[in-house]
Amino acid sequence: MAPPQLILLDAVGTLFGPRASIGELYRQQAAHHGVRVAAEPLQAAFARAFAAAPPLAFPHAPPEAIAPHEYRWWRAVTSSAFAQVGAREAFADFEAFFSQLYAFFGRAEPWYCYPEVRPALERWRQRGIALGVVSNFDSRLHAVLAALGMDALFDSVTVSSRVGAAKPNARIFWAALHWHGVPASRAWHVGDSLEADYRGAQACGLRAFWLQRSR
């Protein structure tokens, strides 16, 4: 098997993950605003709200409108999660809470890099393989990668909100391939989602690897 010219990787769940469940992190941040809620039901509510949301992609938005769209998208998901557990109206100022929460997830604090990731990335770079991130994240991903000290390891970062298509949509993979000028047959993609990463990349002709982490 010929070595790849390019390896694309998913972000959350592949390169780095949350230091606790999203429900627990939301619980902690809500407590700072005087709202008490249990982590487990909030985690389940978040999962439902996230699954029900439209793709995090805005194909018809001009570049200057994307950041506000991203903010509103996450605000709707978060509002739904807290509403499902009966805590939405407990906030004295939900807008202030969400603004703080949104900024929190754009920093290093809630995230950690999986220990095997950096050595693998460095080995690939030493072999002359180009590296890129392809993620259904948002514009904050650039800041998160920088805060985790990982940004210099990647040649490109492709996010669904900016491309206007979310994995498994082929457009996001084609955008990354086009940026690198590499054909799909010479590229790999690694990610933790069977549907979004493995099947999405495979359908585009990339060699796909499904990373199954223990939860």
Foldseek 3Di string as FASTA:
>chain_A
DDAFQEEEEAPEPTFKHFPDQPLVVLQVLVVVQVFHDDSVLLSVQLVVLVVPADQLADQPDDPVCLVVSQLVSVLSSNLRSCVVRVGNVVGPDVVVSSVVVVVVVLAQVGMATDPVNVVVLVVCVVVNHAYEYQYQHGPSVCSNCVNNVNNVSHPYYQYRHNQRHAFLPQSSVVVVCVVVVGQQCRYEYEYQDCRRFAVSSVVRNHHYDHDHDDD
